[in-house]
Amino acid sequence: PLGAGSHAAMNGAFDILSFPDPGEPDLFYV
C-alpha cells in the first residue's frame, strides 16, 4: 500500500524465475 511509504524496491521491477529441473539454478531478470 502507498501508506507503507518507501520500500526496498523503489528503484525498479524485477523477476525471479525457477525451473522444474532441480539442477537448473534460479534466474534473476531485470
PDB file of all heavy atoms in Angstrom:
ATOM      1  N   PRO A   1       0.823  -1.219   0.000  1.00  0.00           N
ATOM      2  CA  PRO A   1       0.000   0.000   0.000  1.00  0.00           C
ATOM      3  C   PRO A   1       0.852   1.261   0.000  1.00  0.00           C
ATOM      4  O   PRO A   1       1.976   1.274   0.506  1.00  0.00           O
ATOM      5  CB  PRO A   1      -0.802  -0.130   1.296  1.00  0.00           C
ATOM      6  CG  PRO A   1       0.052  -0.963   2.193  1.00  0.00           C
ATOM      7  CD  PRO A   1       0.760  -1.934   1.284  1.00  0.00           C
ATOM      8  N   LEU A   2       0.291   2.327  -0.572  1.00  0.00           N
ATOM      9  CA  LEU A   2       1.006   3.595  -0.601  1.00  0.00           C
ATOM     10  C   LEU A   2       1.312   4.079   0.807  1.00  0.00           C
ATOM     11  O   LEU A   2       2.336   4.727   1.046  1.00  0.00           O
ATOM     12  CB  LEU A   2       0.170   4.638  -1.347  1.00  0.00           C
ATOM     13  CG  LEU A   2      -0.046   4.389  -2.838  1.00  0.00           C
ATOM     14  CD1 LEU A   2      -0.992   5.433  -3.425  1.00  0.00           C
ATOM     15  CD2 LEU A   2       1.280   4.393  -3.589  1.00  0.00           C
ATOM     16  N   GLY A   3       0.445   3.729   1.735  1.00  0.00           N
ATOM     17  CA  GLY A   3       0.641   4.154   3.112  1.00  0.00           C
ATOM     18  C   GLY A   3       1.861   3.543   3.771  1.00  0.00           C
ATOM     19  O   GLY A   3       2.289   4.008   4.830  1.00  0.00           O
ATOM     20  N   ALA A   4       2.428   2.501   3.147  1.00  0.00           N
ATOM     21  CA  ALA A   4       3.623   1.876   3.714  1.00  0.00           C
ATOM     22  C   ALA A   4       4.856   2.751   3.511  1.00  0.00           C
ATOM     23  O   ALA A   4       5.911   2.498   4.085  1.00  0.00           O
ATOM     24  CB  ALA A   4       3.854   0.513   3.072  1.00  0.00           C
ATOM     25  N   GLY A   5       4.711   3.795   2.680  1.00  0.00           N
ATOM     26  CA  GLY A   5       5.830   4.700   2.441  1.00  0.00           C
ATOM     27  C   GLY A   5       6.878   4.077   1.542  1.00  0.00           C
ATOM     28  O   GLY A   5       6.590   3.220   0.710  1.00  0.00           O
ATOM     29  N   SER A   6       8.128   4.485   1.730  1.00  0.00           N
ATOM     30  CA  SER A   6       9.225   3.971   0.918  1.00  0.00           C
ATOM     31  C   SER A   6       9.450   2.496   1.244  1.00  0.00           C
ATOM     32  O   SER A   6       9.245   2.053   2.375  1.00  0.00           O
ATOM     33  CB  SER A   6      10.496   4.774   1.208  1.00  0.00           C
ATOM     34  OG  SER A   6      11.571   4.315   0.422  1.00  0.00           O
ATOM     35  N   HIS A   7       9.855   1.741   0.214  1.00  0.00           N
ATOM     36  CA  HIS A   7      10.156   0.322   0.455  1.00  0.00           C
ATOM     37  C   HIS A   7      11.438  -0.064  -0.264  1.00  0.00           C
ATOM     38  O   HIS A   7      12.053   0.758  -0.967  1.00  0.00           O
ATOM     39  CB  HIS A   7       8.987  -0.572   0.045  1.00  0.00           C
ATOM     40  CG  HIS A   7       8.536  -0.411  -1.374  1.00  0.00           C
ATOM     41  ND1 HIS A   7       9.272  -0.865  -2.456  1.00  0.00           N
ATOM     42  CD2 HIS A   7       7.419   0.165  -1.894  1.00  0.00           C
ATOM     43  CE1 HIS A   7       8.625  -0.592  -3.573  1.00  0.00           C
ATOM     44  NE2 HIS A   7       7.494   0.041  -3.272  1.00  0.00           N
ATOM     45  N   ALA A   8      11.852  -1.310  -0.126  1.00  0.00           N
ATOM     46  CA  ALA A   8      13.189  -1.741  -0.545  1.00  0.00           C
ATOM     47  C   ALA A   8      13.388  -1.842  -2.048  1.00  0.00           C
ATOM     48  O   ALA A   8      14.522  -2.013  -2.502  1.00  0.00           O
ATOM     49  CB  ALA A   8      13.514  -3.091   0.098  1.00  0.00           C
ATOM     50  N   ALA A   9      12.309  -1.744  -2.845  1.00  0.00           N
ATOM     51  CA  ALA A   9      12.459  -1.886  -4.299  1.00  0.00           C
ATOM     52  C   ALA A   9      11.892  -0.680  -5.034  1.00  0.00           C
ATOM     53  O   ALA A   9      11.308  -0.812  -6.105  1.00  0.00           O
ATOM     54  CB  ALA A   9      11.797  -3.168  -4.781  1.00  0.00           C
ATOM     55  N   MET A  10      12.077   0.491  -4.483  1.00  0.00           N
ATOM     56  CA  MET A  10      11.579   1.702  -5.119  1.00  0.00           C
ATOM     57  C   MET A  10      12.287   2.000  -6.440  1.00  0.00           C
ATOM     58  O   MET A  10      11.797   2.773  -7.252  1.00  0.00           O
ATOM     59  CB  MET A  10      11.765   2.892  -4.172  1.00  0.00           C
ATOM     60  CG  MET A  10      10.935   2.820  -2.898  1.00  0.00           C
ATOM     61  SD  MET A  10       9.174   3.030  -3.199  1.00  0.00           S
ATOM     62  CE  MET A  10       9.104   4.777  -3.579  1.00  0.00           C
ATOM     63  N   ASN A  11      13.451   1.361  -6.651  1.00  0.00           N
ATOM     64  CA  ASN A  11      14.227   1.672  -7.859  1.00  0.00           C
ATOM     65  C   ASN A  11      13.872   0.806  -9.052  1.00  0.00           C
ATOM     66  O   ASN A  11      14.467   0.952 -10.118  1.00  0.00           O
ATOM     67  CB  ASN A  11      15.725   1.548  -7.561  1.00  0.00           C
ATOM     68  CG  ASN A  11      16.101   0.160  -7.071  1.00  0.00           C
ATOM     69  OD1 ASN A  11      15.255  -0.572  -6.594  1.00  0.00           O
ATOM     70  ND2 ASN A  11      17.369  -0.181  -7.191  1.00  0.00           N
ATOM     71  N   GLY A  12      12.914  -0.120  -8.938  1.00  0.00           N
ATOM     72  CA  GLY A  12      12.513  -0.823 -10.149  1.00  0.00           C
ATOM     73  C   GLY A  12      11.990  -2.230  -9.986  1.00  0.00           C
ATOM     74  O   GLY A  12      12.107  -2.842  -8.921  1.00  0.00           O
ATOM     75  N   ALA A  13      11.403  -2.729 -11.078  1.00  0.00           N
ATOM     76  CA  ALA A  13      10.793  -4.046 -11.117  1.00  0.00           C
ATOM     77  C   ALA A  13      11.833  -5.130 -11.396  1.00  0.00           C
ATOM     78  O   ALA A  13      12.927  -4.857 -11.893  1.00  0.00           O
ATOM     79  CB  ALA A  13       9.715  -4.077 -12.198  1.00  0.00           C
ATOM     80  N   PHE A  14      11.463  -6.369 -11.087  1.00  0.00           N
ATOM     81  CA  PHE A  14      12.339  -7.499 -11.375  1.00  0.00           C
ATOM     82  C   PHE A  14      11.538  -8.792 -11.307  1.00  0.00           C
ATOM     83  O   PHE A  14      10.415  -8.833 -10.798  1.00  0.00           O
ATOM     84  CB  PHE A  14      13.520  -7.554 -10.389  1.00  0.00           C
ATOM     85  CG  PHE A  14      13.114  -7.768  -8.948  1.00  0.00           C
ATOM     86  CD1 PHE A  14      12.993  -9.055  -8.420  1.00  0.00           C
ATOM     87  CD2 PHE A  14      12.850  -6.691  -8.115  1.00  0.00           C
ATOM     88  CE1 PHE A  14      12.624  -9.245  -7.091  1.00  0.00           C
ATOM     89  CE2 PHE A  14      12.479  -6.876  -6.782  1.00  0.00           C
ATOM     90  CZ  PHE A  14      12.361  -8.159  -6.273  1.00  0.00           C
ATOM     91  N   ASP A  15      12.123  -9.859 -11.845  1.00  0.00           N
ATOM     92  CA  ASP A  15      11.538 -11.195 -11.802  1.00  0.00           C
ATOM     93  C   ASP A  15      12.579 -12.191 -11.314  1.00  0.00           C
ATOM     94  O   ASP A  15      13.780 -12.015 -11.561  1.00  0.00           O
ATOM     95  CB  ASP A  15      11.089 -11.653 -13.193  1.00  0.00           C
ATOM     96  CG  ASP A  15       9.925 -10.857 -13.737  1.00  0.00           C
ATOM     97  OD1 ASP A  15      10.133  -9.699 -14.145  1.00  0.00           O
ATOM     98  OD2 ASP A  15       8.824 -11.397 -13.766  1.00  0.00           O
ATOM     99  N   ILE A  16      12.103 -13.243 -10.659  1.00  0.00           N
ATOM    100  CA  ILE A  16      12.954 -14.378 -10.309  1.00  0.00           C
ATOM    101  C   ILE A  16      12.258 -15.617 -10.866  1.00  0.00           C
ATOM    102  O   ILE A  16      11.125 -15.920 -10.486  1.00  0.00           O
ATOM    103  CB  ILE A  16      13.146 -14.517  -8.790  1.00  0.00           C
ATOM    104  CG1 ILE A  16      13.739 -13.235  -8.204  1.00  0.00           C
ATOM    105  CG2 ILE A  16      14.036 -15.716  -8.473  1.00  0.00           C
ATOM    106  CD1 ILE A  16      13.687 -13.167  -6.693  1.00  0.00           C
ATOM    107  N   LEU A  17      12.925 -16.311 -11.780  1.00  0.00           N
ATOM    108  CA  LEU A  17      12.328 -17.476 -12.412  1.00  0.00           C
ATOM    109  C   LEU A  17      12.954 -18.756 -11.880  1.00  0.00           C
ATOM    110  O   LEU A  17      14.176 -18.843 -11.715  1.00  0.00           O
ATOM    111  CB  LEU A  17      12.500 -17.406 -13.929  1.00  0.00           C
ATOM    112  CG  LEU A  17      11.762 -16.232 -14.578  1.00  0.00           C
ATOM    113  CD1 LEU A  17      12.741 -15.308 -15.271  1.00  0.00           C
ATOM    114  CD2 LEU A  17      10.716 -16.710 -15.552  1.00  0.00           C
ATOM    115  N   SER A  18      12.102 -19.750 -11.622  1.00  0.00           N
ATOM    116  CA  SER A  18      12.551 -21.053 -11.153  1.00  0.00           C
ATOM    117  C   SER A  18      12.093 -22.115 -12.139  1.00  0.00           C
ATOM    118  O   SER A  18      11.087 -21.939 -12.833  1.00  0.00           O
ATOM    119  CB  SER A  18      11.986 -21.348  -9.753  1.00  0.00           C
ATOM    120  OG  SER A  18      12.373 -20.352  -8.832  1.00  0.00           O
ATOM    121  N   PHE A  19      12.817 -23.242 -12.151  1.00  0.00           N
ATOM    122  CA  PHE A  19      12.611 -24.257 -13.181  1.00  0.00           C
ATOM    123  C   PHE A  19      12.317 -25.619 -12.570  1.00  0.00           C
ATOM    124  O   PHE A  19      12.715 -25.903 -11.434  1.00  0.00           O
ATOM    125  CB  PHE A  19      13.846 -24.309 -14.085  1.00  0.00           C
ATOM    126  CG  PHE A  19      14.216 -22.967 -14.637  1.00  0.00           C
ATOM    127  CD1 PHE A  19      15.111 -22.136 -13.975  1.00  0.00           C
ATOM    128  CD2 PHE A  19      13.624 -22.503 -15.806  1.00  0.00           C
ATOM    129  CE1 PHE A  19      15.428 -20.880 -14.457  1.00  0.00           C
ATOM    130  CE2 PHE A  19      13.934 -21.242 -16.299  1.00  0.00           C
ATOM    131  CZ  PHE A  19      14.836 -20.435 -15.626  1.00  0.00           C
ATOM    132  N   PRO A  20      11.615 -26.478 -13.324  1.00  0.00           N
ATOM    133  CA  PRO A  20      11.250 -27.788 -12.778  1.00  0.00           C
ATOM    134  C   PRO A  20      12.445 -28.693 -12.519  1.00  0.00           C
ATOM    135  O   PRO A  20      12.398 -29.546 -11.639  1.00  0.00           O
ATOM    136  CB  PRO A  20      10.314 -28.372 -13.845  1.00  0.00           C
ATOM    137  CG  PRO A  20      10.627 -27.619 -15.096  1.00  0.00           C
ATOM    138  CD  PRO A  20      11.024 -26.251 -14.658  1.00  0.00           C
ATOM    139  N   ASP A  21      13.522 -28.513 -13.294  1.00  0.00           N
ATOM    140  CA  ASP A  21      14.732 -29.306 -13.087  1.00  0.00           C
ATOM    141  C   ASP A  21      15.469 -28.780 -11.859  1.00  0.00           C
ATOM    142  O   ASP A  21      15.931 -27.635 -11.855  1.00  0.00           O
ATOM    143  CB  ASP A  21      15.629 -29.213 -14.328  1.00  0.00           C
ATOM    144  CG  ASP A  21      16.891 -30.050 -14.204  1.00  0.00           C
ATOM    145  OD1 ASP A  21      17.154 -30.590 -13.110  1.00  0.00           O
ATOM    146  OD2 ASP A  21      17.618 -30.175 -15.211  1.00  0.00           O
ATOM    147  N   PRO A  22      15.581 -29.589 -10.790  1.00  0.00           N
ATOM    148  CA  PRO A  22      16.244 -29.094  -9.571  1.00  0.00           C
ATOM    149  C   PRO A  22      17.697 -28.711  -9.792  1.00  0.00           C
ATOM    150  O   PRO A  22      18.277 -27.971  -8.991  1.00  0.00           O
ATOM    151  CB  PRO A  22      16.112 -30.277  -8.597  1.00  0.00           C
ATOM    152  CG  PRO A  22      15.890 -31.473  -9.464  1.00  0.00           C
ATOM    153  CD  PRO A  22      15.123 -30.977 -10.648  1.00  0.00           C
ATOM    154  N   GLY A  23      18.292 -29.199 -10.877  1.00  0.00           N
ATOM    155  CA  GLY A  23      19.674 -28.848 -11.158  1.00  0.00           C
ATOM    156  C   GLY A  23      19.825 -27.536 -11.902  1.00  0.00           C
ATOM    157  O   GLY A  23      20.942 -27.066 -12.116  1.00  0.00           O
ATOM    158  N   GLU A  24      18.695 -26.934 -12.295  1.00  0.00           N
ATOM    159  CA  GLU A  24      18.728 -25.674 -13.029  1.00  0.00           C
ATOM    160  C   GLU A  24      18.604 -24.512 -12.047  1.00  0.00           C
ATOM    161  O   GLU A  24      17.613 -24.391 -11.341  1.00  0.00           O
ATOM    162  CB  GLU A  24      17.590 -25.628 -14.043  1.00  0.00           C
ATOM    163  CG  GLU A  24      17.666 -24.481 -15.012  1.00  0.00           C
ATOM    164  CD  GLU A  24      18.879 -24.567 -15.926  1.00  0.00           C
ATOM    165  OE1 GLU A  24      19.221 -25.679 -16.369  1.00  0.00           O
ATOM    166  OE2 GLU A  24      19.488 -23.514 -16.178  1.00  0.00           O
ATOM    167  N   PRO A  25      19.602 -23.642 -11.952  1.00  0.00           N
ATOM    168  CA  PRO A  25      19.558 -22.552 -10.967  1.00  0.00           C
ATOM    169  C   PRO A  25      18.502 -21.499 -11.301  1.00  0.00           C
ATOM    170  O   PRO A  25      18.134 -21.309 -12.462  1.00  0.00           O
ATOM    171  CB  PRO A  25      20.968 -21.957 -11.050  1.00  0.00           C
ATOM    172  CG  PRO A  25      21.436 -22.282 -12.436  1.00  0.00           C
ATOM    173  CD  PRO A  25      20.840 -23.621 -12.763  1.00  0.00           C
ATOM    174  N   ASP A  26      18.025 -20.839 -10.261  1.00  0.00           N
ATOM    175  CA  ASP A  26      17.094 -19.733 -10.456  1.00  0.00           C
ATOM    176  C   ASP A  26      17.770 -18.621 -11.252  1.00  0.00           C
ATOM    177  O   ASP A  26      19.005 -18.506 -11.281  1.00  0.00           O
ATOM    178  CB  ASP A  26      16.640 -19.171  -9.101  1.00  0.00           C
ATOM    179  CG  ASP A  26      15.718 -20.122  -8.357  1.00  0.00           C
ATOM    180  OD1 ASP A  26      15.248 -21.097  -8.974  1.00  0.00           O
ATOM    181  OD2 ASP A  26      15.477 -19.883  -7.166  1.00  0.00           O
ATOM    182  N   LEU A  27      16.943 -17.799 -11.871  1.00  0.00           N
ATOM    183  CA  LEU A  27      17.453 -16.707 -12.694  1.00  0.00           C
ATOM    184  C   LEU A  27      16.790 -15.405 -12.261  1.00  0.00           C
ATOM    185  O   LEU A  27      15.582 -15.354 -12.047  1.00  0.00           O
ATOM    186  CB  LEU A  27      17.177 -16.995 -14.171  1.00  0.00           C
ATOM    187  CG  LEU A  27      17.698 -15.992 -15.202  1.00  0.00           C
ATOM    188  CD1 LEU A  27      18.128 -16.716 -16.474  1.00  0.00           C
ATOM    189  CD2 LEU A  27      16.629 -14.958 -15.555  1.00  0.00           C
ATOM    190  N   PHE A  28      17.592 -14.371 -12.122  1.00  0.00           N
ATOM    191  CA  PHE A  28      17.112 -13.032 -11.749  1.00  0.00           C
ATOM    192  C   PHE A  28      17.095 -12.186 -13.014  1.00  0.00           C
ATOM    193  O   PHE A  28      18.100 -12.092 -13.722  1.00  0.00           O
ATOM    194  CB  PHE A  28      18.060 -12.424 -10.712  1.00  0.00           C
ATOM    195  CG  PHE A  28      17.569 -11.132 -10.112  1.00  0.00           C
ATOM    196  CD1 PHE A  28      16.673 -11.129  -9.052  1.00  0.00           C
ATOM    197  CD2 PHE A  28      18.021  -9.909 -10.588  1.00  0.00           C
ATOM    198  CE1 PHE A  28      16.243  -9.938  -8.484  1.00  0.00           C
ATOM    199  CE2 PHE A  28      17.586  -8.714 -10.035  1.00  0.00           C
ATOM    200  CZ  PHE A  28      16.693  -8.743  -8.973  1.00  0.00           C
ATOM    201  N   TYR A  29      15.936 -11.588 -13.297  1.00  0.00           N
ATOM    202  CA  TYR A  29      15.754 -10.853 -14.553  1.00  0.00           C
ATOM    203  C   TYR A  29      15.350  -9.414 -14.265  1.00  0.00           C
ATOM    204  O   TYR A  29      14.442  -9.160 -13.470  1.00  0.00           O
ATOM    205  CB  TYR A  29      14.678 -11.537 -15.394  1.00  0.00           C
ATOM    206  CG  TYR A  29      14.359 -10.838 -16.698  1.00  0.00           C
ATOM    207  CD1 TYR A  29      15.109 -11.083 -17.842  1.00  0.00           C
ATOM    208  CD2 TYR A  29      13.307  -9.930 -16.793  1.00  0.00           C
ATOM    209  CE1 TYR A  29      14.818 -10.450 -19.046  1.00  0.00           C
ATOM    210  CE2 TYR A  29      13.007  -9.291 -17.984  1.00  0.00           C
ATOM    211  CZ  TYR A  29      13.762  -9.553 -19.104  1.00  0.00           C
ATOM    212  OH  TYR A  29      13.481  -8.916 -20.285  1.00  0.00           O
ATOM    213  N   VAL A  30      16.038  -8.484 -14.923  1.00  0.00           N
ATOM    214  CA  VAL A  30      15.753  -7.059 -14.760  1.00  0.00           C
ATOM    215  C   VAL A  30      15.704  -6.401 -16.125  1.00  0.00           C
ATOM    216  O   VAL A  30      16.572  -6.645 -16.965  1.00  0.00           O
ATOM    217  CB  VAL A  30      16.830  -6.357 -13.905  1.00  0.00           C
ATOM    218  CG1 VAL A  30      16.486  -4.882 -13.722  1.00  0.00           C
ATOM    219  CG2 VAL A  30      16.986  -7.028 -12.555  1.00  0.00           C
TER     220      VAL A  30
END
